[in-house]
C-alpha atoms as a PDB file:
ATOM      1  CA  MET A   1    -149.698  34.464 -24.411  1.00  0.00           C
ATOM      2  CA  VAL A   2    -147.113  33.088 -26.888  1.00  0.00           C
ATOM      3  CA  ARG A   3    -148.732  35.118 -29.674  1.00  0.00           C
ATOM      4  CA  TYR A   4    -148.467  38.328 -27.649  1.00  0.00           C
ATOM      5  CA  LEU A   5    -144.807  37.656 -26.789  1.00  0.00           C
ATOM      6  CA  ALA A   6    -143.976  37.010 -30.449  1.00  0.00           C
ATOM      7  CA  ILE A   7    -145.651  40.249 -31.524  1.00  0.00           C
ATOM      8  CA  LEU A   8    -143.817  42.125 -28.760  1.00  0.00           C
ATOM      9  CA  ALA A   9    -140.449  40.667 -29.814  1.00  0.00           C
ATOM     10  CA  VAL A  10    -140.967  41.628 -33.475  1.00  0.00           C
ATOM     11  CA  ALA A  11    -142.125  45.109 -32.488  1.00  0.00           C
ATOM     12  CA  LEU A  12    -139.062  45.631 -30.258  1.00  0.00           C
ATOM     13  CA  ALA A  13    -136.702  44.486 -33.031  1.00  0.00           C
ATOM     14  CA  ALA A  14    -138.326  46.894 -35.505  1.00  0.00           C
ATOM     15  CA  TRP A  15    -138.176  49.659 -32.882  1.00  0.00           C
ATOM     16  CA  VAL A  16    -134.427  49.184 -32.409  1.00  0.00           C
ATOM     17  CA  LEU A  17    -133.703  49.178 -36.162  1.00  0.00           C
ATOM     18  CA  ILE A  18    -135.712  52.360 -36.757  1.00  0.00           C
ATOM     19  CA  TYR A  19    -134.218  54.088 -33.712  1.00  0.00           C
ATOM     20  CA  LEU A  20    -130.650  53.394 -34.863  1.00  0.00           C
ATOM     21  CA  GLY A  21    -131.413  54.909 -38.266  1.00  0.00           C
ATOM     22  CA  LEU A  22    -132.843  58.201 -36.988  1.00  0.00           C
ATOM     23  CA  LYS A  23    -129.617  60.199 -36.853  1.00  0.00           C
ATOM     24  CA  PRO A  24    -128.386  59.226 -40.349  1.00  0.00           C
ATOM     25  CA  PHE A  25    -131.870  59.954 -41.712  1.00  0.00           C
ATOM     26  CA  SER A  26    -132.001  63.407 -40.073  1.00  0.00           C
ATOM     27  CA  ARG A  27    -128.610  64.336 -41.533  1.00  0.00           C
ATOM     28  CA  TRP A  28    -129.612  63.096 -44.995  1.00  0.00           C
ATOM     29  CA  PHE A  29    -132.920  64.986 -44.796  1.00  0.00           C
ATOM     30  CA  ALA A  30    -131.406  68.292 -43.671  1.00  0.00           C
ATOM     31  CA  PHE A  31    -128.071  68.363 -45.485  1.00  0.00           C
ATOM     32  CA  ASP A  32    -128.669  66.261 -48.618  1.00  0.00           C
ATOM     33  CA  LEU A  33    -132.363  66.432 -49.440  1.00  0.00           C
ATOM     34  CA  LEU A  34    -132.867  70.082 -48.372  1.00  0.00           C
ATOM     35  CA  SER A  35    -129.263  71.051 -49.246  1.00  0.00           C
ATOM     36  CA  LEU A  36    -128.815  72.998 -46.014  1.00  0.00           C
ATOM     37  CA  THR A  37    -125.312  73.552 -44.736  1.00  0.00           C
ATOM     38  CA  GLU A  38    -124.370  71.863 -41.487  1.00  0.00           C
ATOM     39  CA  SER A  39    -122.807  75.018 -40.072  1.00  0.00           C
ATOM     40  CA  SER A  40    -125.842  77.204 -40.780  1.00  0.00           C
ATOM     41  CA  ARG A  41    -128.384  78.058 -38.081  1.00  0.00           C
ATOM     42  CA  ILE A  42    -131.352  76.827 -40.100  1.00  0.00           C
ATOM     43  CA  GLY A  43    -129.554  73.594 -41.000  1.00  0.00           C
ATOM     44  CA  SER A  44    -128.670  72.916 -37.369  1.00  0.00           C
ATOM     45  CA  ALA A  45    -132.252  73.666 -36.240  1.00  0.00           C
ATOM     46  CA  VAL A  46    -133.873  71.483 -38.916  1.00  0.00           C
ATOM     47  CA  GLN A  47    -131.555  68.537 -38.252  1.00  0.00           C
ATOM     48  CA  PHE A  48    -132.252  68.824 -34.499  1.00  0.00           C
ATOM     49  CA  PHE A  49    -136.029  68.844 -35.065  1.00  0.00           C
ATOM     50  CA  VAL A  50    -136.062  65.968 -37.572  1.00  0.00           C
ATOM     51  CA  TYR A  51    -133.842  63.851 -35.310  1.00  0.00           C
ATOM     52  CA  ASP A  52    -135.406  64.628 -31.921  1.00  0.00           C
ATOM     53  CA  THR A  53    -139.081  64.419 -32.899  1.00  0.00           C
ATOM     54  CA  PRO A  54    -139.198  60.708 -33.787  1.00  0.00           C
ATOM     55  CA  LYS A  55    -136.543  59.893 -31.165  1.00  0.00           C
ATOM     56  CA  VAL A  56    -138.523  61.357 -28.268  1.00  0.00           C
ATOM     57  CA  LEU A  57    -141.827  59.964 -29.550  1.00  0.00           C
ATOM     58  CA  MET A  58    -140.352  56.487 -29.982  1.00  0.00           C
ATOM     59  CA  LEU A  59    -138.809  56.541 -26.509  1.00  0.00           C
ATOM     60  CA  LEU A  60    -142.119  57.771 -25.134  1.00  0.00           C
ATOM     61  CA  VAL A  61    -144.108  54.953 -26.775  1.00  0.00           C
ATOM     62  CA  LEU A  62    -141.696  52.326 -25.448  1.00  0.00           C
ATOM     63  CA  ILE A  63    -141.632  53.759 -21.924  1.00  0.00           C
ATOM     64  CA  VAL A  64    -145.370  54.340 -21.646  1.00  0.00           C
ATOM     65  CA  PHE A  65    -146.157  50.816 -22.844  1.00  0.00           C
ATOM     66  CA  PHE A  66    -144.041  49.131 -20.175  1.00  0.00           C
ATOM     67  CA  ILE A  67    -145.083  51.603 -17.470  1.00  0.00           C
ATOM     68  CA  GLY A  68    -148.703  50.947 -18.473  1.00  0.00           C
ATOM     69  CA  VAL A  69    -148.129  47.238 -17.892  1.00  0.00           C
ATOM     70  CA  ILE A  70    -146.465  47.914 -14.514  1.00  0.00           C
ATOM     71  CA  ARG A  71    -149.297  50.188 -13.448  1.00  0.00           C
ATOM     72  CA  THR A  72    -151.801  47.352 -13.748  1.00  0.00           C
ATOM     73  CA  PHE A  73    -150.288  46.081 -10.485  1.00  0.00           C
ATOM     74  CA  PHE A  74    -150.728  49.451  -8.711  1.00  0.00           C
ATOM     75  CA  THR A  75    -154.343  50.583  -8.690  1.00  0.00           C
ATOM     76  CA  PRO A  76    -155.317  53.616  -6.549  1.00  0.00           C
ATOM     77  CA  GLN A  77    -157.160  51.265  -4.181  1.00  0.00           C
ATOM     78  CA  ALA A  78    -154.086  49.072  -3.765  1.00  0.00           C
ATOM     79  CA  THR A  79    -151.927  52.138  -3.186  1.00  0.00           C
ATOM     80  CA  ARG A  80    -154.223  53.372  -0.422  1.00  0.00           C
ATOM     81  CA  ARG A  81    -154.104  49.959   1.244  1.00  0.00           C
ATOM     82  CA  ILE A  82    -150.303  49.901   1.124  1.00  0.00           C
ATOM     83  CA  LEU A  83    -149.961  53.346   2.701  1.00  0.00           C
ATOM     84  CA  ALA A  84    -152.762  53.087   5.273  1.00  0.00           C
ATOM     85  CA  GLY A  85    -151.551  52.379   8.807  1.00  0.00           C
ATOM     86  CA  LYS A  86    -147.857  53.014   8.088  1.00  0.00           C
ATOM     87  CA  ARG A  87    -145.752  55.078  10.503  1.00  0.00           C
ATOM     88  CA  GLU A  88    -145.408  58.593   9.145  1.00  0.00           C
ATOM     89  CA  SER A  89    -141.654  58.541   8.482  1.00  0.00           C
ATOM     90  CA  ALA A  90    -141.834  55.155   6.756  1.00  0.00           C
ATOM     91  CA  GLY A  91    -144.993  56.288   5.004  1.00  0.00           C
ATOM     92  CA  ASN A  92    -143.206  59.314   3.495  1.00  0.00           C
ATOM     93  CA  VAL A  93    -140.534  57.075   1.980  1.00  0.00           C
ATOM     94  CA  LEU A  94    -143.013  54.505   0.692  1.00  0.00           C
ATOM     95  CA  ALA A  95    -145.412  57.142  -0.652  1.00  0.00           C
ATOM     96  CA  ALA A  96    -142.645  58.900  -2.579  1.00  0.00           C
ATOM     97  CA  MET A  97    -141.542  55.619  -4.159  1.00  0.00           C
ATOM     98  CA  LEU A  98    -145.097  54.615  -5.043  1.00  0.00           C
ATOM     99  CA  GLY A  99    -145.628  58.033  -6.618  1.00  0.00           C
ATOM    100  CA  ILE A 100    -143.264  57.095  -9.436  1.00  0.00           C
ATOM    101  CA  VAL A 101    -145.207  54.082 -10.705  1.00  0.00           C
ATOM    102  CA  THR A 102    -148.826  54.811  -9.834  1.00  0.00           C
ATOM    103  CA  PRO A 103    -151.255  56.610 -12.166  1.00  0.00           C
ATOM    104  CA  PHE A 104    -151.231  60.372 -11.611  1.00  0.00           C
ATOM    105  CA  CYS A 105    -152.085  63.502 -13.518  1.00  0.00           C
ATOM    106  CA  SER A 106    -153.377  66.921 -12.512  1.00  0.00           C
ATOM    107  CA  CYS A 107    -156.988  65.880 -13.071  1.00  0.00           C
ATOM    108  CA  SER A 108    -156.594  62.948 -10.647  1.00  0.00           C
ATOM    109  CA  ALA A 109    -155.052  65.058  -7.858  1.00  0.00           C
ATOM    110  CA  VAL A 110    -158.369  65.763  -6.135  1.00  0.00           C
ATOM    111  CA  PRO A 111    -159.838  62.213  -6.067  1.00  0.00           C
ATOM    112  CA  LEU A 112    -156.473  60.753  -5.006  1.00  0.00           C
ATOM    113  CA  PHE A 113    -156.137  63.325  -2.228  1.00  0.00           C
ATOM    114  CA  ILE A 114    -159.676  62.660  -0.976  1.00  0.00           C
ATOM    115  CA  GLY A 115    -159.157  58.912  -1.125  1.00  0.00           C
ATOM    116  CA  PHE A 116    -155.922  59.071   0.857  1.00  0.00           C
ATOM    117  CA  VAL A 117    -157.305  61.404   3.530  1.00  0.00           C
ATOM    118  CA  THR A 118    -160.500  59.379   4.021  1.00  0.00           C
ATOM    119  CA  ALA A 119    -158.407  56.197   4.278  1.00  0.00           C
ATOM    120  CA  GLY A 120    -156.647  57.686   7.318  1.00  0.00           C
ATOM    121  CA  ILE A 121    -153.303  58.288   5.598  1.00  0.00           C
ATOM    122  CA  PRO A 122    -151.467  61.203   7.301  1.00  0.00           C
ATOM    123  CA  LEU A 123    -151.432  64.520   5.471  1.00  0.00           C
ATOM    124  CA  GLY A 124    -147.637  64.589   5.163  1.00  0.00           C
ATOM    125  CA  VAL A 125    -147.568  61.100   3.633  1.00  0.00           C
ATOM    126  CA  THR A 126    -150.271  62.141   1.168  1.00  0.00           C
ATOM    127  CA  PHE A 127    -148.171  65.115   0.097  1.00  0.00           C
ATOM    128  CA  SER A 128    -145.077  62.950  -0.366  1.00  0.00           C
ATOM    129  CA  PHE A 129    -147.104  60.954  -2.876  1.00  0.00           C
ATOM    130  CA  LEU A 130    -148.600  64.011  -4.600  1.00  0.00           C
ATOM    131  CA  ILE A 131    -145.154  65.626  -4.946  1.00  0.00           C
ATOM    132  CA  ALA A 132    -143.302  62.531  -6.173  1.00  0.00           C
ATOM    133  CA  ALA A 133    -145.930  61.479  -8.714  1.00  0.00           C
ATOM    134  CA  PRO A 134    -145.467  64.411 -11.128  1.00  0.00           C
ATOM    135  CA  MET A 135    -141.923  65.410 -10.123  1.00  0.00           C
ATOM    136  CA  VAL A 136    -140.177  62.034 -10.453  1.00  0.00           C
ATOM    137  CA  ASN A 137    -141.800  61.246 -13.758  1.00  0.00           C
ATOM    138  CA  GLU A 138    -140.894  57.836 -15.178  1.00  0.00           C
ATOM    139  CA  VAL A 139    -140.998  59.194 -18.730  1.00  0.00           C
ATOM    140  CA  ALA A 140    -138.573  61.993 -17.833  1.00  0.00           C
ATOM    141  CA  LEU A 141    -136.345  59.521 -16.008  1.00  0.00           C
ATOM    142  CA  VAL A 142    -135.894  57.197 -18.981  1.00  0.00           C
ATOM    143  CA  LEU A 143    -135.586  60.056 -21.469  1.00  0.00           C
ATOM    144  CA  LEU A 144    -132.894  61.645 -19.296  1.00  0.00           C
ATOM    145  CA  TYR A 145    -131.094  58.319 -19.208  1.00  0.00           C
ATOM    146  CA  GLY A 146    -131.311  57.957 -22.986  1.00  0.00           C
ATOM    147  CA  LEU A 147    -130.116  61.503 -23.663  1.00  0.00           C
ATOM    148  CA  PHE A 148    -127.660  62.260 -20.845  1.00  0.00           C
ATOM    149  CA  GLY A 149    -126.650  58.985 -19.213  1.00  0.00           C
ATOM    150  CA  TRP A 150    -127.288  57.120 -15.972  1.00  0.00           C
ATOM    151  CA  LYS A 151    -125.612  59.612 -13.623  1.00  0.00           C
ATOM    152  CA  VAL A 152    -127.867  62.501 -14.621  1.00  0.00           C
ATOM    153  CA  ALA A 153    -130.951  60.250 -14.526  1.00  0.00           C
ATOM    154  CA  GLY A 154    -129.895  58.817 -11.155  1.00  0.00           C
ATOM    155  CA  LEU A 155    -129.359  62.257  -9.638  1.00  0.00           C
ATOM    156  CA  TYR A 156    -132.764  63.365 -10.925  1.00  0.00           C
ATOM    157  CA  LEU A 157    -134.397  60.296  -9.387  1.00  0.00           C
ATOM    158  CA  GLY A 158    -132.594  60.552  -6.063  1.00  0.00           C
ATOM    159  CA  THR A 159    -133.026  64.268  -5.513  1.00  0.00           C
ATOM    160  CA  GLY A 160    -136.670  64.201  -6.639  1.00  0.00           C
ATOM    161  CA  LEU A 161    -137.447  61.444  -4.138  1.00  0.00           C
ATOM    162  CA  VAL A 162    -135.629  63.299  -1.361  1.00  0.00           C
ATOM    163  CA  ILE A 163    -137.649  66.455  -2.069  1.00  0.00           C
ATOM    164  CA  ALA A 164    -140.905  64.472  -1.929  1.00  0.00           C
ATOM    165  CA  MET A 165    -139.958  62.665   1.281  1.00  0.00           C
ATOM    166  CA  VAL A 166    -138.622  65.700   3.147  1.00  0.00           C
ATOM    167  CA  ALA A 167    -141.340  68.076   1.924  1.00  0.00           C
ATOM    168  CA  GLY A 168    -144.053  65.626   2.988  1.00  0.00           C
ATOM    169  CA  TRP A 169    -142.372  65.136   6.365  1.00  0.00           C
ATOM    170  CA  VAL A 170    -142.118  68.907   6.931  1.00  0.00           C
ATOM    171  CA  ILE A 171    -145.774  69.448   5.991  1.00  0.00           C
ATOM    172  CA  GLY A 172    -146.737  66.637   8.357  1.00  0.00           C
ATOM    173  CA  ARG A 173    -144.805  68.282  11.220  1.00  0.00           C
ATOM    174  CA  LEU A 174    -146.584  71.600  10.677  1.00  0.00           C
ATOM    175  CA  LYS A 175    -149.969  70.033  11.561  1.00  0.00           C
ATOM    176  CA  LEU A 176    -151.932  71.803   8.836  1.00  0.00           C
ATOM    177  CA  GLU A 177    -154.907  69.436   8.711  1.00  0.00           C
ATOM    178  CA  ARG A 178    -157.251  72.315   9.581  1.00  0.00           C
ATOM    179  CA  HIS A 179    -156.324  73.937   6.265  1.00  0.00           C
ATOM    180  CA  VAL A 180    -157.867  71.077   4.290  1.00  0.00           C
ATOM    181  CA  GLU A 181    -161.396  71.944   3.196  1.00  0.00           C
ATOM    182  CA  SER A 182    -163.816  70.524   5.773  1.00  0.00           C
ATOM    183  CA  TRP A 183    -165.972  68.730   3.209  1.00  0.00           C
ATOM    184  CA  VAL A 184    -163.027  66.440   2.348  1.00  0.00           C
ATOM    185  CA  TYR A 185    -163.156  64.751   5.763  1.00  0.00           C
ATOM    186  CA  GLN A 186    -166.902  64.234   5.390  1.00  0.00           C
ATOM    187  CA  THR A 187    -166.577  62.444   2.051  1.00  0.00           C
ATOM    188  CA  GLN A 188    -166.995  58.695   1.977  1.00  0.00           C
ATOM    189  CA  MET A 189    -164.961  56.946  -0.713  1.00  0.00           C
ATOM    190  CA  GLY A 190    -166.293  53.540  -1.660  1.00  0.00           C
ATOM    191  CA  GLU A 191    -164.001  50.735  -2.758  1.00  0.00           C
ATOM    192  CA  THR A 192    -164.509  49.476  -6.292  1.00  0.00           C
ATOM    193  CA  ALA A 193    -163.958  45.832  -7.031  1.00  0.00           C
ATOM    194  CA  GLU A 194    -160.527  44.952  -8.398  1.00  0.00           C
ATOM    195  CA  THR A 195    -160.208  42.304 -11.058  1.00  0.00           C
ATOM    196  CA  LYS A 196    -157.216  40.047 -11.628  1.00  0.00           C
ATOM    197  CA  LEU A 197    -155.678  40.552 -15.049  1.00  0.00           C
ATOM    198  CA  ASP A 198    -153.844  37.980 -17.167  1.00  0.00           C
ATOM    199  CA  TRP A 199    -150.769  38.964 -19.165  1.00  0.00           C
ATOM    200  CA  PRO A 200    -152.597  39.560 -22.467  1.00  0.00           C
ATOM    201  CA  ALA A 201    -154.898  41.970 -20.606  1.00  0.00           C
ATOM    202  CA  ARG A 202    -151.871  43.708 -19.063  1.00  0.00           C
ATOM    203  CA  PHE A 203    -150.265  44.072 -22.505  1.00  0.00           C
ATOM    204  CA  GLN A 204    -153.519  45.527 -23.799  1.00  0.00           C
ATOM    205  CA  ALA A 205    -153.513  47.960 -20.867  1.00  0.00           C
ATOM    206  CA  GLY A 206    -149.984  48.995 -21.841  1.00  0.00           C
ATOM    207  CA  TRP A 207    -151.055  49.658 -25.423  1.00  0.00           C
ATOM    208  CA  GLN A 208    -154.109  51.567 -24.202  1.00  0.00           C
ATOM    209  CA  ALA A 209    -151.799  53.703 -22.053  1.00  0.00           C
ATOM    210  CA  VAL A 210    -149.759  54.495 -25.180  1.00  0.00           C
ATOM    211  CA  LYS A 211    -152.880  55.607 -27.053  1.00  0.00           C
ATOM    212  CA  ASP A 212    -154.164  57.654 -24.123  1.00  0.00           C
ATOM    213  CA  ILE A 213    -150.941  59.308 -22.966  1.00  0.00           C
ATOM    214  CA  VAL A 214    -149.079  59.780 -26.250  1.00  0.00           C
ATOM    215  CA  GLY A 215    -152.326  60.929 -27.839  1.00  0.00           C
ATOM    216  CA  LYS A 216    -152.571  63.683 -25.237  1.00  0.00           C
ATOM    217  CA  VAL A 217    -148.947  64.809 -24.928  1.00  0.00           C
ATOM    218  CA  TRP A 218    -147.682  64.772 -28.519  1.00  0.00           C
ATOM    219  CA  PRO A 219    -148.569  68.461 -29.101  1.00  0.00           C
ATOM    220  CA  TYR A 220    -146.492  69.397 -26.040  1.00  0.00           C
ATOM    221  CA  ILE A 221    -143.626  67.274 -27.347  1.00  0.00           C
ATOM    222  CA  LEU A 222    -143.690  68.927 -30.773  1.00  0.00           C
ATOM    223  CA  ALA A 223    -143.818  72.353 -29.130  1.00  0.00           C
ATOM    224  CA  GLY A 224    -140.943  71.457 -26.820  1.00  0.00           C
ATOM    225  CA  ILE A 225    -138.821  70.116 -29.680  1.00  0.00           C
ATOM    226  CA  ALA A 226    -139.599  73.173 -31.812  1.00  0.00           C
ATOM    227  CA  ILE A 227    -138.481  75.438 -28.971  1.00  0.00           C
ATOM    228  CA  GLY A 228    -135.425  73.255 -28.464  1.00  0.00           C
ATOM    229  CA  ALA A 229    -134.605  73.409 -32.187  1.00  0.00           C
ATOM    230  CA  ALA A 230    -134.865  77.203 -32.146  1.00  0.00           C
ATOM    231  CA  ILE A 231    -132.589  77.382 -29.110  1.00  0.00           C
ATOM    232  CA  HIS A 232    -130.199  74.882 -30.706  1.00  0.00           C
ATOM    233  CA  GLY A 233    -129.969  76.744 -33.992  1.00  0.00           C
ATOM    234  CA  TYR A 234    -130.339  80.424 -33.137  1.00  0.00           C
ATOM    235  CA  VAL A 235    -129.455  81.158 -29.495  1.00  0.00           C
ATOM    236  CA  PRO A 236    -125.760  82.047 -29.078  1.00  0.00           C
ATOM    237  CA  GLU A 237    -123.889  79.880 -26.599  1.00  0.00           C
ATOM    238  CA  ASN A 238    -122.364  82.807 -24.718  1.00  0.00           C
ATOM    239  CA  PHE A 239    -125.811  84.366 -24.201  1.00  0.00           C
ATOM    240  CA  MET A 240    -127.330  81.210 -22.691  1.00  0.00           C
ATOM    241  CA  ALA A 241    -124.238  80.581 -20.578  1.00  0.00           C
ATOM    242  CA  SER A 242    -124.432  84.137 -19.214  1.00  0.00           C
ATOM    243  CA  ILE A 243    -128.025  83.856 -17.965  1.00  0.00           C
ATOM    244  CA  MET A 244    -128.244  80.142 -17.092  1.00  0.00           C
ATOM    245  CA  GLY A 245    -124.624  79.227 -16.459  1.00  0.00           C
ATOM    246  CA  LYS A 246    -122.981  78.279 -13.173  1.00  0.00           C
ATOM    247  CA  SER A 247    -121.576  81.787 -12.660  1.00  0.00           C
ATOM    248  CA  ALA A 248    -125.053  83.358 -12.552  1.00  0.00           C
ATOM    249  CA  TRP A 249    -126.058  82.562  -8.966  1.00  0.00           C
ATOM    250  CA  TRP A 250    -129.512  84.045  -9.519  1.00  0.00           C
ATOM    251  CA  SER A 251    -130.280  81.763 -12.472  1.00  0.00           C
ATOM    252  CA  VAL A 252    -131.729  78.931 -10.357  1.00  0.00           C
ATOM    253  CA  PRO A 253    -134.365  81.007  -8.493  1.00  0.00           C
ATOM    254  CA  LEU A 254    -135.180  82.818 -11.741  1.00  0.00           C
ATOM    255  CA  ALA A 255    -135.685  79.481 -13.515  1.00  0.00           C
ATOM    256  CA  VAL A 256    -138.044  78.312 -10.753  1.00  0.00           C
ATOM    257  CA  LEU A 257    -140.024  81.579 -10.839  1.00  0.00           C
ATOM    258  CA  ILE A 258    -140.401  81.323 -14.619  1.00  0.00           C
ATOM    259  CA  GLY A 259    -141.351  77.646 -14.474  1.00  0.00           C
ATOM    260  CA  VAL A 260    -144.120  77.801 -11.841  1.00  0.00           C
ATOM    261  CA  PRO A 261    -146.777  79.641 -13.898  1.00  0.00           C
ATOM    262  CA  MET A 262    -146.070  77.525 -16.984  1.00  0.00           C
ATOM    263  CA  TYR A 263    -147.691  74.208 -17.836  1.00  0.00           C
ATOM    264  CA  SER A 264    -146.155  71.327 -19.739  1.00  0.00           C
ATOM    265  CA  ASN A 265    -145.327  67.695 -19.119  1.00  0.00           C
ATOM    266  CA  ALA A 266    -141.996  66.014 -18.602  1.00  0.00           C
ATOM    267  CA  ALA A 267    -141.776  64.622 -22.127  1.00  0.00           C
ATOM    268  CA  GLY A 268    -142.305  68.074 -23.619  1.00  0.00           C
ATOM    269  CA  MET A 269    -139.681  69.629 -21.340  1.00  0.00           C
ATOM    270  CA  ILE A 270    -136.843  67.171 -22.060  1.00  0.00           C
ATOM    271  CA  PRO A 271    -136.001  68.558 -25.563  1.00  0.00           C
ATOM    272  CA  VAL A 272    -135.938  72.074 -24.109  1.00  0.00           C
ATOM    273  CA  VAL A 273    -133.554  70.951 -21.355  1.00  0.00           C
ATOM    274  CA  GLN A 274    -131.375  69.199 -23.938  1.00  0.00           C
ATOM    275  CA  ALA A 275    -131.107  72.324 -26.079  1.00  0.00           C
ATOM    276  CA  LEU A 276    -130.415  74.565 -23.070  1.00  0.00           C
ATOM    277  CA  LEU A 277    -127.577  72.308 -21.955  1.00  0.00           C
ATOM    278  CA  GLU A 278    -126.055  72.210 -25.432  1.00  0.00           C
ATOM    279  CA  LYS A 279    -126.016  76.004 -25.449  1.00  0.00           C
ATOM    280  CA  GLY A 280    -124.177  76.351 -22.146  1.00  0.00           C
ATOM    281  CA  ALA A 281    -126.919  76.335 -19.521  1.00  0.00           C
ATOM    282  CA  ALA A 282    -125.951  74.735 -16.220  1.00  0.00           C
ATOM    283  CA  LEU A 283    -127.465  71.328 -15.474  1.00  0.00           C
ATOM    284  CA  GLY A 284    -128.969  72.400 -12.155  1.00  0.00           C
ATOM    285  CA  THR A 285    -130.602  75.499 -13.613  1.00  0.00           C
ATOM    286  CA  ALA A 286    -132.155  73.600 -16.519  1.00  0.00           C
ATOM    287  CA  LEU A 287    -133.465  70.786 -14.314  1.00  0.00           C
ATOM    288  CA  ALA A 288    -134.768  73.238 -11.686  1.00  0.00           C
ATOM    289  CA  PHE A 289    -136.754  74.882 -14.473  1.00  0.00           C
ATOM    290  CA  MET A 290    -138.132  71.508 -15.603  1.00  0.00           C
ATOM    291  CA  MET A 291    -139.021  70.406 -12.058  1.00  0.00           C
ATOM    292  CA  ALA A 292    -140.813  73.693 -11.364  1.00  0.00           C
ATOM    293  CA  VAL A 293    -142.887  73.349 -14.539  1.00  0.00           C
ATOM    294  CA  ILE A 294    -144.004  69.764 -13.886  1.00  0.00           C
ATOM    295  CA  ALA A 295    -144.262  69.794 -10.051  1.00  0.00           C
ATOM    296  CA  LEU A 296    -145.587  73.307  -9.327  1.00  0.00           C
ATOM    297  CA  SER A 297    -147.656  74.124 -12.385  1.00  0.00           C
ATOM    298  CA  LEU A 298    -150.366  76.750 -11.966  1.00  0.00           C
ATOM    299  CA  PRO A 299    -153.156  74.492 -13.361  1.00  0.00           C
ATOM    300  CA  GLU A 300    -152.407  71.833 -10.743  1.00  0.00           C
ATOM    301  CA  MET A 301    -152.503  74.439  -7.962  1.00  0.00           C
ATOM    302  CA  LEU A 302    -155.904  75.615  -9.196  1.00  0.00           C
ATOM    303  CA  ILE A 303    -157.198  72.040  -9.141  1.00  0.00           C
ATOM    304  CA  LEU A 304    -155.822  71.415  -5.639  1.00  0.00           C
ATOM    305  CA  ARG A 305    -157.563  74.597  -4.450  1.00  0.00           C
ATOM    306  CA  ARG A 306    -160.775  72.554  -4.484  1.00  0.00           C
ATOM    307  CA  VAL A 307    -159.513  70.563  -1.487  1.00  0.00           C
ATOM    308  CA  LEU A 308    -156.839  72.787   0.099  1.00  0.00           C
ATOM    309  CA  ARG A 309    -157.068  76.241   1.618  1.00  0.00           C
ATOM    310  CA  PRO A 310    -154.677  78.964   0.401  1.00  0.00           C
ATOM    311  CA  LYS A 311    -152.292  78.723   3.378  1.00  0.00           C
ATOM    312  CA  LEU A 312    -151.675  75.007   2.839  1.00  0.00           C
ATOM    313  CA  ILE A 313    -151.178  75.534  -0.896  1.00  0.00           C
ATOM    314  CA  ALA A 314    -148.682  78.326  -0.122  1.00  0.00           C
ATOM    315  CA  VAL A 315    -146.779  76.049   2.293  1.00  0.00           C
ATOM    316  CA  PHE A 316    -146.791  73.270  -0.310  1.00  0.00           C
ATOM    317  CA  ILE A 317    -145.397  75.579  -3.010  1.00  0.00           C
ATOM    318  CA  GLY A 318    -142.814  77.089  -0.654  1.00  0.00           C
ATOM    319  CA  VAL A 319    -141.463  73.781   0.652  1.00  0.00           C
ATOM    320  CA  VAL A 320    -141.244  72.172  -2.794  1.00  0.00           C
ATOM    321  CA  ALA A 321    -139.738  75.304  -4.383  1.00  0.00           C
ATOM    322  CA  LEU A 322    -137.060  75.397  -1.670  1.00  0.00           C
ATOM    323  CA  GLY A 323    -136.242  71.764  -2.386  1.00  0.00           C
ATOM    324  CA  ILE A 324    -135.986  72.458  -6.124  1.00  0.00           C
ATOM    325  CA  LEU A 325    -133.680  75.419  -5.447  1.00  0.00           C
ATOM    326  CA  LEU A 326    -131.380  73.221  -3.370  1.00  0.00           C
ATOM    327  CA  VAL A 327    -131.347  70.576  -6.114  1.00  0.00           C
ATOM    328  CA  GLY A 328    -130.527  73.232  -8.716  1.00  0.00           C
ATOM    329  CA  TYR A 329    -127.552  74.505  -6.750  1.00  0.00           C
ATOM    330  CA  LEU A 330    -126.402  70.946  -6.013  1.00  0.00           C
ATOM    331  CA  PHE A 331    -126.451  69.973  -9.690  1.00  0.00           C
ATOM    332  CA  ASN A 332    -124.642  73.172 -10.629  1.00  0.00           C
ATOM    333  CA  ALA A 333    -121.888  72.306  -8.169  1.00  0.00           C
ATOM    334  CA  LEU A 334    -121.267  69.021  -9.995  1.00  0.00           C
ATOM    335  CA  ASP A 335    -119.208  68.532 -13.139  1.00  0.00           C
ATOM    336  CA  LEU A 336    -121.670  68.160 -16.020  1.00  0.00           C
ATOM    337  CA  GLY A 337    -118.906  67.313 -18.495  1.00  0.00           C
ATOM    338  CA  SER A 338    -117.801  64.237 -16.567  1.00  0.00           C
ATOM    339  CA  MET A 339    -121.383  63.037 -16.125  1.00  0.00           C
ATOM    340  CA  MET A 340    -122.117  63.389 -19.829  1.00  0.00           C
ATOM    341  CA  ALA A 341    -118.889  61.558 -20.653  1.00  0.00           C
ATOM    342  CA  ALA A 342    -119.918  58.681 -18.387  1.00  0.00           C
ATOM    343  CA  LYS A 343    -123.048  58.016 -20.452  1.00  0.00           C
END
């Protein structure tokens, strides 16, 4: 245990030193080594890419490691036991909060859904969990905090949880159980034995989570940062402000419509959101776009079609999209400048 703590302390110290040197290095690389001018579009884009790529990846490694350790306490079996037998209203709140820290990805949507339903957890509570898990992404939360400050991150967390709770409650009130595929209720989910882990094993699980998750998402991150760099360097501020600014009332629904058929993850979307904001996009519009991409992605809907009939999927999309629209307009009504200054 002492050996693992010593290694962790040295690694954290090295992480901090490297992180603090990223911005000076990116400026030296772009403006000294490559001799690009700071005011040029290519210089601005290159400096953005060289700075943001290691910054986002380093934040991601740090976050995923600690979340991986935390997740060793929240297995799917334990989550089902916590939610089973709860009153529906309390269950919606608890399910949304558990969705933040429990393992979830699109490929696990079906087995999690089946496990919850066969454990007797109400349909609305199950949806609160399924909505919160991708929408209130812990990686996005910490990256938002690191880039924009605690107020933006806190608003993202609070509004995402409210959407998950209310949407799950509404779906539960609609009594749509008959629109779940009948074979789901006939499935028997066995309980696998859970083993107690010591702290070295939990640290190893955290490192394994880094290898698994970062190994899968880094292409999305590079793509997101490349898009962000292009927006940062080449998109005029007045153009972005005109189509995604506060004055364009239609920008929020348009952002949601564009985001739904796309597929990315939260880490890949953060650099895009950062670049959009720097170019004059409204906070609510940019975050509505991000939420639509990660919470209502077309691939996830196709996977859920295995267990849900089209009407229930349509209700799910409609309720969550309405919540995202409300969040977008709420964020746009707030003063982004003061929130950024409070970082």
